[in-house]
Amino acid sequence: MNGQGPVPFPAVAIGIGYIPIFVCTVRGQVLTEKNKEYIESARMIGCRPIRLMVKYIFPNVMMPLFVQATLAIANGIVTEASLGCLGLSAQPPTPSFGSMLQVDQGYISPNPL
């Protein structure tokens, strides 16, 4: 282990919750790519299905997948921070944006001026 302790359960639950989004993204991209003319041409010259996936379809699916992963990471951080601020995430020894906000909330003045 790296000394940071176990992964808090809400982070795992948030990650599992994003699996269907990634599956739909990949499926849609594969269905779009497999019907293109260059894939049909590769089939006609005798490319095997594994070679089609690795050489032609997989590289074209990666860019939308990277974009979706970037959005999911940002949304996951905000979700975890929201849960931590409500006290539903990692407990105090484990660092969390939400738990830090919850602790520091007492220092915020309701009327700063």
PDB file of N, CA and C in Angstrom:
ATOM      1  N   MET A   1       0.840  -1.194   0.000  1.00  0.00           N
ATOM      2  CA  MET A   1       0.000   0.000   0.000  1.00  0.00           C
ATOM      3  C   MET A   1       0.875   1.245   0.000  1.00  0.00           C
ATOM      4  N   ASN A   2       0.286   2.347  -0.317  1.00  0.00           N
ATOM      5  CA  ASN A   2       1.023   3.598  -0.368  1.00  0.00           C
ATOM      6  C   ASN A   2       0.881   4.418   0.904  1.00  0.00           C
ATOM      7  N   GLY A   3       0.283   3.873   1.940  1.00  0.00           N
ATOM      8  CA  GLY A   3       0.189   4.557   3.212  1.00  0.00           C
ATOM      9  C   GLY A   3      -0.988   5.516   3.330  1.00  0.00           C
ATOM     10  N   GLN A   4      -1.870   5.540   2.360  1.00  0.00           N
ATOM     11  CA  GLN A   4      -2.992   6.463   2.416  1.00  0.00           C
ATOM     12  C   GLN A   4      -4.244   5.826   2.991  1.00  0.00           C
ATOM     13  N   GLY A   5      -4.217   4.560   3.274  1.00  0.00           N
ATOM     14  CA  GLY A   5      -5.376   3.898   3.848  1.00  0.00           C
ATOM     15  C   GLY A   5      -6.336   3.410   2.777  1.00  0.00           C
ATOM     16  N   PRO A   6      -7.452   2.836   3.216  1.00  0.00           N
ATOM     17  CA  PRO A   6      -8.419   2.292   2.255  1.00  0.00           C
ATOM     18  C   PRO A   6      -9.160   3.402   1.519  1.00  0.00           C
ATOM     19  N   VAL A   7      -9.658   3.045   0.351  1.00  0.00           N
ATOM     20  CA  VAL A   7     -10.448   3.986  -0.446  1.00  0.00           C
ATOM     21  C   VAL A   7     -11.815   4.111   0.205  1.00  0.00           C
ATOM     22  N   PRO A   8     -12.298   5.338   0.437  1.00  0.00           N
ATOM     23  CA  PRO A   8     -13.615   5.482   1.061  1.00  0.00           C
ATOM     24  C   PRO A   8     -14.712   4.946   0.161  1.00  0.00           C
ATOM     25  N   PHE A   9     -15.726   4.378   0.768  1.00  0.00           N
ATOM     26  CA  PHE A   9     -16.819   3.750   0.028  1.00  0.00           C
ATOM     27  C   PHE A   9     -17.528   4.693  -0.940  1.00  0.00           C
ATOM     28  N   PRO A  10     -17.807   5.952  -0.591  1.00  0.00           N
ATOM     29  CA  PRO A  10     -18.488   6.824  -1.564  1.00  0.00           C
ATOM     30  C   PRO A  10     -17.705   7.007  -2.863  1.00  0.00           C
ATOM     31  N   ALA A  11     -16.377   7.033  -2.800  1.00  0.00           N
ATOM     32  CA  ALA A  11     -15.587   7.180  -4.024  1.00  0.00           C
ATOM     33  C   ALA A  11     -15.777   5.964  -4.927  1.00  0.00           C
ATOM     34  N   VAL A  12     -15.832   4.779  -4.333  1.00  0.00           N
ATOM     35  CA  VAL A  12     -16.053   3.557  -5.113  1.00  0.00           C
ATOM     36  C   VAL A  12     -17.465   3.559  -5.699  1.00  0.00           C
ATOM     37  N   ALA A  13     -18.440   3.970  -4.904  1.00  0.00           N
ATOM     38  CA  ALA A  13     -19.832   4.002  -5.380  1.00  0.00           C
ATOM     39  C   ALA A  13     -19.994   5.008  -6.517  1.00  0.00           C
ATOM     40  N   ILE A  14     -19.341   6.155  -6.408  1.00  0.00           N
ATOM     41  CA  ILE A  14     -19.406   7.155  -7.478  1.00  0.00           C
ATOM     42  C   ILE A  14     -18.773   6.600  -8.744  1.00  0.00           C
ATOM     43  N   GLY A  15     -17.637   5.929  -8.602  1.00  0.00           N
ATOM     44  CA  GLY A  15     -16.967   5.334  -9.761  1.00  0.00           C
ATOM     45  C   GLY A  15     -17.813   4.265 -10.435  1.00  0.00           C
ATOM     46  N   ILE A  16     -18.453   3.424  -9.647  1.00  0.00           N
ATOM     47  CA  ILE A  16     -19.318   2.385 -10.209  1.00  0.00           C
ATOM     48  C   ILE A  16     -20.530   3.005 -10.895  1.00  0.00           C
ATOM     49  N   GLY A  17     -21.003   4.116 -10.359  1.00  0.00           N
ATOM     50  CA  GLY A  17     -22.159   4.793 -10.958  1.00  0.00           C
ATOM     51  C   GLY A  17     -21.889   5.346 -12.344  1.00  0.00           C
ATOM     52  N   TYR A  18     -20.628   5.616 -12.657  1.00  0.00           N
ATOM     53  CA  TYR A  18     -20.282   6.162 -13.972  1.00  0.00           C
ATOM     54  C   TYR A  18     -20.016   5.081 -15.026  1.00  0.00           C
ATOM     55  N   ILE A  19     -20.009   3.825 -14.648  1.00  0.00           N
ATOM     56  CA  ILE A  19     -19.738   2.746 -15.606  1.00  0.00           C
ATOM     57  C   ILE A  19     -20.737   2.737 -16.768  1.00  0.00           C
ATOM     58  N   PRO A  20     -22.054   2.860 -16.535  1.00  0.00           N
ATOM     59  CA  PRO A  20     -22.981   2.841 -17.680  1.00  0.00           C
ATOM     60  C   PRO A  20     -22.730   3.957 -18.692  1.00  0.00           C
ATOM     61  N   ILE A  21     -22.290   5.111 -18.231  1.00  0.00           N
ATOM     62  CA  ILE A  21     -22.012   6.212 -19.152  1.00  0.00           C
ATOM     63  C   ILE A  21     -20.865   5.843 -20.086  1.00  0.00           C
ATOM     64  N   PHE A  22     -19.809   5.233 -19.529  1.00  0.00           N
ATOM     65  CA  PHE A  22     -18.673   4.826 -20.349  1.00  0.00           C
ATOM     66  C   PHE A  22     -19.059   3.708 -21.311  1.00  0.00           C
ATOM     67  N   VAL A  23     -19.878   2.772 -20.846  1.00  0.00           N
ATOM     68  CA  VAL A  23     -20.315   1.671 -21.709  1.00  0.00           C
ATOM     69  C   VAL A  23     -21.127   2.205 -22.888  1.00  0.00           C
ATOM     70  N   CYS A  24     -22.032   3.130 -22.632  1.00  0.00           N
ATOM     71  CA  CYS A  24     -22.838   3.703 -23.715  1.00  0.00           C
ATOM     72  C   CYS A  24     -21.985   4.507 -24.689  1.00  0.00           C
ATOM     73  N   THR A  25     -21.001   5.222 -24.159  1.00  0.00           N
ATOM     74  CA  THR A  25     -20.115   6.006 -25.027  1.00  0.00           C
ATOM     75  C   THR A  25     -19.330   5.098 -25.955  1.00  0.00           C
ATOM     76  N   VAL A  26     -18.732   4.049 -25.398  1.00  0.00           N
ATOM     77  CA  VAL A  26     -17.930   3.129 -26.204  1.00  0.00           C
ATOM     78  C   VAL A  26     -18.806   2.395 -27.209  1.00  0.00           C
ATOM     79  N   ARG A  27     -19.963   1.929 -26.768  1.00  0.00           N
ATOM     80  CA  ARG A  27     -20.852   1.195 -27.667  1.00  0.00           C
ATOM     81  C   ARG A  27     -21.285   2.066 -28.840  1.00  0.00           C
ATOM     82  N   GLY A  28     -21.677   3.295 -28.571  1.00  0.00           N
ATOM     83  CA  GLY A  28     -22.098   4.194 -29.637  1.00  0.00           C
ATOM     84  C   GLY A  28     -20.984   4.480 -30.627  1.00  0.00           C
ATOM     85  N   GLN A  29     -19.776   4.688 -30.117  1.00  0.00           N
ATOM     86  CA  GLN A  29     -18.657   4.958 -31.013  1.00  0.00           C
ATOM     87  C   GLN A  29     -18.297   3.740 -31.859  1.00  0.00           C
ATOM     88  N   VAL A  30     -18.337   2.556 -31.251  1.00  0.00           N
ATOM     89  CA  VAL A  30     -18.022   1.333 -32.007  1.00  0.00           C
ATOM     90  C   VAL A  30     -19.062   1.103 -33.090  1.00  0.00           C
ATOM     91  N   LEU A  31     -20.343   1.304 -32.765  1.00  0.00           N
ATOM     92  CA  LEU A  31     -21.391   1.122 -33.776  1.00  0.00           C
ATOM     93  C   LEU A  31     -21.253   2.127 -34.913  1.00  0.00           C
ATOM     94  N   THR A  32     -20.815   3.334 -34.598  1.00  0.00           N
ATOM     95  CA  THR A  32     -20.609   4.341 -35.641  1.00  0.00           C
ATOM     96  C   THR A  32     -19.417   3.983 -36.518  1.00  0.00           C
ATOM     97  N   GLU A  33     -18.324   3.591 -35.900  1.00  0.00           N
ATOM     98  CA  GLU A  33     -17.094   3.315 -36.641  1.00  0.00           C
ATOM     99  C   GLU A  33     -17.187   2.055 -37.495  1.00  0.00           C
ATOM    100  N   LYS A  34     -17.879   1.024 -37.005  1.00  0.00           N
ATOM    101  CA  LYS A  34     -17.880  -0.247 -37.736  1.00  0.00           C
ATOM    102  C   LYS A  34     -18.642  -0.182 -39.052  1.00  0.00           C
ATOM    103  N   ASN A  35     -19.458   0.851 -39.238  1.00  0.00           N
ATOM    104  CA  ASN A  35     -20.214   0.987 -40.480  1.00  0.00           C
ATOM    105  C   ASN A  35     -19.562   1.934 -41.483  1.00  0.00           C
ATOM    106  N   LYS A  36     -18.381   2.401 -41.204  1.00  0.00           N
ATOM    107  CA  LYS A  36     -17.699   3.322 -42.117  1.00  0.00           C
ATOM    108  C   LYS A  36     -17.035   2.558 -43.263  1.00  0.00           C
ATOM    109  N   GLU A  37     -16.770   3.276 -44.336  1.00  0.00           N
ATOM    110  CA  GLU A  37     -16.273   2.644 -45.555  1.00  0.00           C
ATOM    111  C   GLU A  37     -14.875   2.049 -45.396  1.00  0.00           C
ATOM    112  N   TYR A  38     -14.001   2.696 -44.638  1.00  0.00           N
ATOM    113  CA  TYR A  38     -12.644   2.161 -44.512  1.00  0.00           C
ATOM    114  C   TYR A  38     -12.625   0.845 -43.738  1.00  0.00           C
ATOM    115  N   ILE A  39     -13.597   0.633 -42.855  1.00  0.00           N
ATOM    116  CA  ILE A  39     -13.699  -0.657 -42.156  1.00  0.00           C
ATOM    117  C   ILE A  39     -14.171  -1.728 -43.134  1.00  0.00           C
ATOM    118  N   GLU A  40     -15.128  -1.369 -43.965  1.00  0.00           N
ATOM    119  CA  GLU A  40     -15.608  -2.321 -44.981  1.00  0.00           C
ATOM    120  C   GLU A  40     -14.491  -2.673 -45.964  1.00  0.00           C
ATOM    121  N   SER A  41     -13.686  -1.696 -46.321  1.00  0.00           N
ATOM    122  CA  SER A  41     -12.550  -1.956 -47.215  1.00  0.00           C
ATOM    123  C   SER A  41     -11.537  -2.885 -46.565  1.00  0.00           C
ATOM    124  N   ALA A  42     -11.271  -2.674 -45.296  1.00  0.00           N
ATOM    125  CA  ALA A  42     -10.332  -3.554 -44.583  1.00  0.00           C
ATOM    126  C   ALA A  42     -10.882  -4.971 -44.496  1.00  0.00           C
ATOM    127  N   ARG A  43     -12.197  -5.103 -44.316  1.00  0.00           N
ATOM    128  CA  ARG A  43     -12.801  -6.449 -44.302  1.00  0.00           C
ATOM    129  C   ARG A  43     -12.646  -7.127 -45.664  1.00  0.00           C
ATOM    130  N   MET A  44     -12.820  -6.342 -46.728  1.00  0.00           N
ATOM    131  CA  MET A  44     -12.746  -6.903 -48.080  1.00  0.00           C
ATOM    132  C   MET A  44     -11.352  -7.426 -48.406  1.00  0.00           C
ATOM    133  N   ILE A  45     -10.314  -6.787 -47.876  1.00  0.00           N
ATOM    134  CA  ILE A  45      -8.961  -7.265 -48.177  1.00  0.00           C
ATOM    135  C   ILE A  45      -8.519  -8.378 -47.247  1.00  0.00           C
ATOM    136  N   GLY A  46      -9.400  -8.761 -46.285  1.00  0.00           N
ATOM    137  CA  GLY A  46      -9.119  -9.930 -45.471  1.00  0.00           C
ATOM    138  C   GLY A  46      -8.621  -9.674 -44.058  1.00  0.00           C
ATOM    139  N   CYS A  47      -8.814  -8.486 -43.526  1.00  0.00           N
ATOM    140  CA  CYS A  47      -8.417  -8.221 -42.136  1.00  0.00           C
ATOM    141  C   CYS A  47      -9.295  -9.026 -41.185  1.00  0.00           C
ATOM    142  N   ARG A  48      -8.672  -9.577 -40.176  1.00  0.00           N
ATOM    143  CA  ARG A  48      -9.416 -10.316 -39.164  1.00  0.00           C
ATOM    144  C   ARG A  48     -10.091  -9.339 -38.205  1.00  0.00           C
ATOM    145  N   PRO A  49     -11.144  -9.795 -37.514  1.00  0.00           N
ATOM    146  CA  PRO A  49     -11.872  -8.894 -36.598  1.00  0.00           C
ATOM    147  C   PRO A  49     -10.991  -8.293 -35.494  1.00  0.00           C
ATOM    148  N   ILE A  50     -10.051  -9.059 -34.978  1.00  0.00           N
ATOM    149  CA  ILE A  50      -9.167  -8.538 -33.928  1.00  0.00           C
ATOM    150  C   ILE A  50      -8.315  -7.396 -34.483  1.00  0.00           C
ATOM    151  N   ARG A  51      -7.785  -7.575 -35.688  1.00  0.00           N
ATOM    152  CA  ARG A  51      -6.974  -6.518 -36.302  1.00  0.00           C
ATOM    153  C   ARG A  51      -7.817  -5.277 -36.580  1.00  0.00           C
ATOM    154  N   LEU A  52      -9.062  -5.468 -37.016  1.00  0.00           N
ATOM    155  CA  LEU A  52      -9.958  -4.335 -37.228  1.00  0.00           C
ATOM    156  C   LEU A  52     -10.166  -3.550 -35.930  1.00  0.00           C
ATOM    157  N   MET A  53     -10.385  -4.276 -34.849  1.00  0.00           N
ATOM    158  CA  MET A  53     -10.610  -3.605 -33.557  1.00  0.00           C
ATOM    159  C   MET A  53      -9.368  -2.858 -33.106  1.00  0.00           C
ATOM    160  N   VAL A  54      -8.217  -3.505 -33.148  1.00  0.00           N
ATOM    161  CA  VAL A  54      -6.992  -2.917 -32.604  1.00  0.00           C
ATOM    162  C   VAL A  54      -6.469  -1.786 -33.475  1.00  0.00           C
ATOM    163  N   LYS A  55      -6.475  -1.985 -34.771  1.00  0.00           N
ATOM    164  CA  LYS A  55      -5.838  -1.015 -35.657  1.00  0.00           C
ATOM    165  C   LYS A  55      -6.763   0.124 -36.094  1.00  0.00           C
ATOM    166  N   TYR A  56      -8.032  -0.140 -36.249  1.00  0.00           N
ATOM    167  CA  TYR A  56      -8.925   0.866 -36.829  1.00  0.00           C
ATOM    168  C   TYR A  56      -9.976   1.396 -35.848  1.00  0.00           C
ATOM    169  N   ILE A  57     -10.673   0.524 -35.166  1.00  0.00           N
ATOM    170  CA  ILE A  57     -11.791   0.971 -34.329  1.00  0.00           C
ATOM    171  C   ILE A  57     -11.311   1.514 -32.990  1.00  0.00           C
ATOM    172  N   PHE A  58     -10.425   0.801 -32.307  1.00  0.00           N
ATOM    173  CA  PHE A  58      -9.967   1.213 -30.974  1.00  0.00           C
ATOM    174  C   PHE A  58      -9.366   2.617 -30.945  1.00  0.00           C
ATOM    175  N   PRO A  59      -8.475   2.993 -31.863  1.00  0.00           N
ATOM    176  CA  PRO A  59      -7.937   4.364 -31.811  1.00  0.00           C
ATOM    177  C   PRO A  59      -8.998   5.449 -32.002  1.00  0.00           C
ATOM    178  N   ASN A  60     -10.031   5.163 -32.777  1.00  0.00           N
ATOM    179  CA  ASN A  60     -11.075   6.152 -33.011  1.00  0.00           C
ATOM    180  C   ASN A  60     -12.081   6.242 -31.866  1.00  0.00           C
ATOM    181  N   VAL A  61     -12.100   5.245 -31.004  1.00  0.00           N
ATOM    182  CA  VAL A  61     -12.995   5.258 -29.850  1.00  0.00           C
ATOM    183  C   VAL A  61     -12.332   5.950 -28.657  1.00  0.00           C
ATOM    184  N   MET A  62     -11.017   6.018 -28.645  1.00  0.00           N
ATOM    185  CA  MET A  62     -10.304   6.535 -27.472  1.00  0.00           C
ATOM    186  C   MET A  62     -10.548   8.024 -27.214  1.00  0.00           C
ATOM    187  N   MET A  63     -10.611   8.858 -28.229  1.00  0.00           N
ATOM    188  CA  MET A  63     -10.778  10.299 -27.993  1.00  0.00           C
ATOM    189  C   MET A  63     -12.093  10.624 -27.286  1.00  0.00           C
ATOM    190  N   PRO A  64     -13.239  10.141 -27.761  1.00  0.00           N
ATOM    191  CA  PRO A  64     -14.475  10.412 -27.004  1.00  0.00           C
ATOM    192  C   PRO A  64     -14.436   9.816 -25.595  1.00  0.00           C
ATOM    193  N   LEU A  65     -13.739   8.696 -25.450  1.00  0.00           N
ATOM    194  CA  LEU A  65     -13.618   8.080 -24.130  1.00  0.00           C
ATOM    195  C   LEU A  65     -12.783   8.950 -23.193  1.00  0.00           C
ATOM    196  N   PHE A  66     -11.714   9.564 -23.688  1.00  0.00           N
ATOM    197  CA  PHE A  66     -10.914  10.470 -22.872  1.00  0.00           C
ATOM    198  C   PHE A  66     -11.709  11.712 -22.463  1.00  0.00           C
ATOM    199  N   VAL A  67     -12.502  12.228 -23.372  1.00  0.00           N
ATOM    200  CA  VAL A  67     -13.339  13.387 -23.051  1.00  0.00           C
ATOM    201  C   VAL A  67     -14.347  13.018 -21.972  1.00  0.00           C
ATOM    202  N   GLN A  68     -14.975  11.868 -22.115  1.00  0.00           N
ATOM    203  CA  GLN A  68     -15.953  11.418 -21.120  1.00  0.00           C
ATOM    204  C   GLN A  68     -15.281  11.176 -19.777  1.00  0.00           C
ATOM    205  N   ALA A  69     -14.075  10.637 -19.773  1.00  0.00           N
ATOM    206  CA  ALA A  69     -13.358  10.401 -18.518  1.00  0.00           C
ATOM    207  C   ALA A  69     -13.019  11.713 -17.822  1.00  0.00           C
ATOM    208  N   THR A  70     -12.629  12.719 -18.580  1.00  0.00           N
ATOM    209  CA  THR A  70     -12.320  14.019 -17.993  1.00  0.00           C
ATOM    210  C   THR A  70     -13.559  14.613 -17.325  1.00  0.00           C
ATOM    211  N   LEU A  71     -14.696  14.550 -17.999  1.00  0.00           N
ATOM    212  CA  LEU A  71     -15.931  15.064 -17.417  1.00  0.00           C
ATOM    213  C   LEU A  71     -16.355  14.255 -16.194  1.00  0.00           C
ATOM    214  N   ALA A  72     -16.178  12.936 -16.246  1.00  0.00           N
ATOM    215  CA  ALA A  72     -16.578  12.086 -15.127  1.00  0.00           C
ATOM    216  C   ALA A  72     -15.697  12.335 -13.907  1.00  0.00           C
ATOM    217  N   ILE A  73     -14.405  12.568 -14.110  1.00  0.00           N
ATOM    218  CA  ILE A  73     -13.514  12.849 -12.981  1.00  0.00           C
ATOM    219  C   ILE A  73     -13.923  14.157 -12.312  1.00  0.00           C
ATOM    220  N   ALA A  74     -14.194  15.186 -13.114  1.00  0.00           N
ATOM    221  CA  ALA A  74     -14.612  16.470 -12.545  1.00  0.00           C
ATOM    222  C   ALA A  74     -15.929  16.337 -11.783  1.00  0.00           C
ATOM    223  N   ASN A  75     -16.891  15.640 -12.367  1.00  0.00           N
ATOM    224  CA  ASN A  75     -18.170  15.450 -11.688  1.00  0.00           C
ATOM    225  C   ASN A  75     -18.024  14.581 -10.444  1.00  0.00           C
ATOM    226  N   GLY A  76     -17.142  13.601 -10.493  1.00  0.00           N
ATOM    227  CA  GLY A  76     -16.905  12.747  -9.331  1.00  0.00           C
ATOM    228  C   GLY A  76     -16.303  13.516  -8.170  1.00  0.00           C
ATOM    229  N   ILE A  77     -15.384  14.424  -8.472  1.00  0.00           N
ATOM    230  CA  ILE A  77     -14.779  15.237  -7.413  1.00  0.00           C
ATOM    231  C   ILE A  77     -15.830  16.137  -6.767  1.00  0.00           C
ATOM    232  N   VAL A  78     -16.670  16.756  -7.580  1.00  0.00           N
ATOM    233  CA  VAL A  78     -17.720  17.625  -7.033  1.00  0.00           C
ATOM    234  C   VAL A  78     -18.717  16.807  -6.215  1.00  0.00           C
ATOM    235  N   THR A  79     -19.082  15.630  -6.690  1.00  0.00           N
ATOM    236  CA  THR A  79     -20.024  14.778  -5.960  1.00  0.00           C
ATOM    237  C   THR A  79     -19.443  14.339  -4.628  1.00  0.00           C
ATOM    238  N   GLU A  80     -18.170  13.918  -4.631  1.00  0.00           N
ATOM    239  CA  GLU A  80     -17.529  13.488  -3.385  1.00  0.00           C
ATOM    240  C   GLU A  80     -17.398  14.639  -2.408  1.00  0.00           C
ATOM    241  N   ALA A  81     -17.080  15.821  -2.907  1.00  0.00           N
ATOM    242  CA  ALA A  81     -16.973  16.991  -2.036  1.00  0.00           C
ATOM    243  C   ALA A  81     -18.337  17.345  -1.444  1.00  0.00           C
ATOM    244  N   SER A  82     -19.387  17.211  -2.230  1.00  0.00           N
ATOM    245  CA  SER A  82     -20.735  17.489  -1.723  1.00  0.00           C
ATOM    246  C   SER A  82     -21.118  16.502  -0.631  1.00  0.00           C
ATOM    247  N   LEU A  83     -20.837  15.230  -0.858  1.00  0.00           N
ATOM    248  CA  LEU A  83     -21.130  14.221   0.160  1.00  0.00           C
ATOM    249  C   LEU A  83     -20.284  14.437   1.407  1.00  0.00           C
ATOM    250  N   GLY A  84     -19.015  14.812   1.207  1.00  0.00           N
ATOM    251  CA  GLY A  84     -18.136  15.053   2.354  1.00  0.00           C
ATOM    252  C   GLY A  84     -18.581  16.247   3.161  1.00  0.00           C
ATOM    253  N   CYS A  85     -19.085  17.274   2.514  1.00  0.00           N
ATOM    254  CA  CYS A  85     -19.565  18.459   3.217  1.00  0.00           C
ATOM    255  C   CYS A  85     -20.800  18.129   4.055  1.00  0.00           C
ATOM    256  N   LEU A  86     -21.584  17.176   3.592  1.00  0.00           N
ATOM    257  CA  LEU A  86     -22.757  16.739   4.350  1.00  0.00           C
ATOM    258  C   LEU A  86     -22.397  15.721   5.428  1.00  0.00           C
ATOM    259  N   GLY A  87     -21.143  15.288   5.453  1.00  0.00           N
ATOM    260  CA  GLY A  87     -20.700  14.317   6.446  1.00  0.00           C
ATOM    261  C   GLY A  87     -20.920  12.875   6.029  1.00  0.00           C
ATOM    262  N   LEU A  88     -21.168  12.622   4.758  1.00  0.00           N
ATOM    263  CA  LEU A  88     -21.461  11.272   4.282  1.00  0.00           C
ATOM    264  C   LEU A  88     -20.287  10.618   3.563  1.00  0.00           C
ATOM    265  N   SER A  89     -19.119  11.218   3.621  1.00  0.00           N
ATOM    266  CA  SER A  89     -17.956  10.689   2.915  1.00  0.00           C
ATOM    267  C   SER A  89     -16.917  10.210   3.916  1.00  0.00           C
ATOM    268  N   ALA A  90     -15.663  10.356   3.576  1.00  0.00           N
ATOM    269  CA  ALA A  90     -14.557   9.890   4.408  1.00  0.00           C
ATOM    270  C   ALA A  90     -14.558  10.606   5.752  1.00  0.00           C
ATOM    271  N   GLN A  91     -14.146   9.902   6.784  1.00  0.00           N
ATOM    272  CA  GLN A  91     -14.086  10.468   8.128  1.00  0.00           C
ATOM    273  C   GLN A  91     -12.779  11.238   8.320  1.00  0.00           C
ATOM    274  N   PRO A  92     -12.673  12.090   9.330  1.00  0.00           N
ATOM    275  CA  PRO A  92     -11.581  13.048   9.484  1.00  0.00           C
ATOM    276  C   PRO A  92     -10.140  12.588   9.269  1.00  0.00           C
ATOM    277  N   PRO A  93      -9.689  11.422   9.640  1.00  0.00           N
ATOM    278  CA  PRO A  93      -8.278  11.147   9.329  1.00  0.00           C
ATOM    279  C   PRO A  93      -7.995  11.075   7.828  1.00  0.00           C
ATOM    280  N   THR A  94      -8.981  10.717   7.034  1.00  0.00           N
ATOM    281  CA  THR A  94      -8.812  10.626   5.590  1.00  0.00           C
ATOM    282  C   THR A  94      -9.108  11.990   4.978  1.00  0.00           C
ATOM    283  N   PRO A  95      -8.182  12.539   4.186  1.00  0.00           N
ATOM    284  CA  PRO A  95      -8.426  13.863   3.609  1.00  0.00           C
ATOM    285  C   PRO A  95      -9.527  13.822   2.549  1.00  0.00           C
ATOM    286  N   SER A  96     -10.336  14.870   2.545  1.00  0.00           N
ATOM    287  CA  SER A  96     -11.428  14.985   1.592  1.00  0.00           C
ATOM    288  C   SER A  96     -11.780  16.459   1.446  1.00  0.00           C
ATOM    289  N   PHE A  97     -12.078  16.904   0.223  1.00  0.00           N
ATOM    290  CA  PHE A  97     -12.457  18.297   0.017  1.00  0.00           C
ATOM    291  C   PHE A  97     -13.686  18.648   0.843  1.00  0.00           C
ATOM    292  N   GLY A  98     -14.674  17.781   0.818  1.00  0.00           N
ATOM    293  CA  GLY A  98     -15.917  18.054   1.531  1.00  0.00           C
ATOM    294  C   GLY A  98     -15.739  18.119   3.031  1.00  0.00           C
ATOM    295  N   SER A  99     -14.942  17.215   3.600  1.00  0.00           N
ATOM    296  CA  SER A  99     -14.737  17.262   5.051  1.00  0.00           C
ATOM    297  C   SER A  99     -13.947  18.500   5.449  1.00  0.00           C
ATOM    298  N   MET A 100     -13.015  18.944   4.606  1.00  0.00           N
ATOM    299  CA  MET A 100     -12.299  20.187   4.899  1.00  0.00           C
ATOM    300  C   MET A 100     -13.249  21.379   4.852  1.00  0.00           C
ATOM    301  N   LEU A 101     -14.169  21.400   3.901  1.00  0.00           N
ATOM    302  CA  LEU A 101     -15.161  22.472   3.836  1.00  0.00           C
ATOM    303  C   LEU A 101     -16.079  22.454   5.049  1.00  0.00           C
ATOM    304  N   GLN A 102     -16.447  21.243   5.495  1.00  0.00           N
ATOM    305  CA  GLN A 102     -17.326  21.119   6.639  1.00  0.00           C
ATOM    306  C   GLN A 102     -16.648  21.657   7.903  1.00  0.00           C
ATOM    307  N   VAL A 103     -15.366  21.361   8.082  1.00  0.00           N
ATOM    308  CA  VAL A 103     -14.630  21.844   9.248  1.00  0.00           C
ATOM    309  C   VAL A 103     -14.459  23.355   9.181  1.00  0.00           C
ATOM    310  N   ASP A 104     -14.146  23.880   7.998  1.00  0.00           N
ATOM    311  CA  ASP A 104     -13.882  25.306   7.843  1.00  0.00           C
ATOM    312  C   ASP A 104     -15.154  26.151   7.756  1.00  0.00           C
ATOM    313  N   GLN A 105     -16.292  25.529   7.707  1.00  0.00           N
ATOM    314  CA  GLN A 105     -17.539  26.266   7.587  1.00  0.00           C
ATOM    315  C   GLN A 105     -17.771  27.173   8.798  1.00  0.00           C
ATOM    316  N   GLY A 106     -17.268  26.791   9.947  1.00  0.00           N
ATOM    317  CA  GLY A 106     -17.420  27.606  11.148  1.00  0.00           C
ATOM    318  C   GLY A 106     -16.638  28.901  11.093  1.00  0.00           C
ATOM    319  N   TYR A 107     -15.630  28.971  10.231  1.00  0.00           N
ATOM    320  CA  TYR A 107     -14.802  30.180  10.117  1.00  0.00           C
ATOM    321  C   TYR A 107     -15.387  31.213   9.141  1.00  0.00           C
ATOM    322  N   ILE A 108     -16.410  30.834   8.422  1.00  0.00           N
ATOM    323  CA  ILE A 108     -17.019  31.742   7.457  1.00  0.00           C
ATOM    324  C   ILE A 108     -18.007  32.635   8.190  1.00  0.00           C
ATOM    325  N   SER A 109     -17.830  33.912   8.055  1.00  0.00           N
ATOM    326  CA  SER A 109     -18.717  34.862   8.735  1.00  0.00           C
ATOM    327  C   SER A 109     -20.004  35.023   7.936  1.00  0.00           C
ATOM    328  N   PRO A 110     -21.149  35.007   8.617  1.00  0.00           N
ATOM    329  CA  PRO A 110     -22.399  35.182   7.882  1.00  0.00           C
ATOM    330  C   PRO A 110     -22.573  36.595   7.342  1.00  0.00           C
ATOM    331  N   ASN A 111     -21.912  37.580   7.954  1.00  0.00           N
ATOM    332  CA  ASN A 111     -22.023  38.949   7.507  1.00  0.00           C
ATOM    333  C   ASN A 111     -20.616  39.551   7.446  1.00  0.00           C
ATOM    334  N   PRO A 112     -19.904  39.372   6.323  1.00  0.00           N
ATOM    335  CA  PRO A 112     -18.495  39.769   6.279  1.00  0.00           C
ATOM    336  C   PRO A 112     -18.259  41.271   6.370  1.00  0.00           C
ATOM    337  N   LEU A 113     -19.204  42.088   6.022  1.00  0.00           N
ATOM    338  CA  LEU A 113     -18.971  43.544   6.062  1.00  0.00           C
ATOM    339  C   LEU A 113     -19.678  44.207   7.172  1.00  0.00           C
TER     340      LEU A 113
END
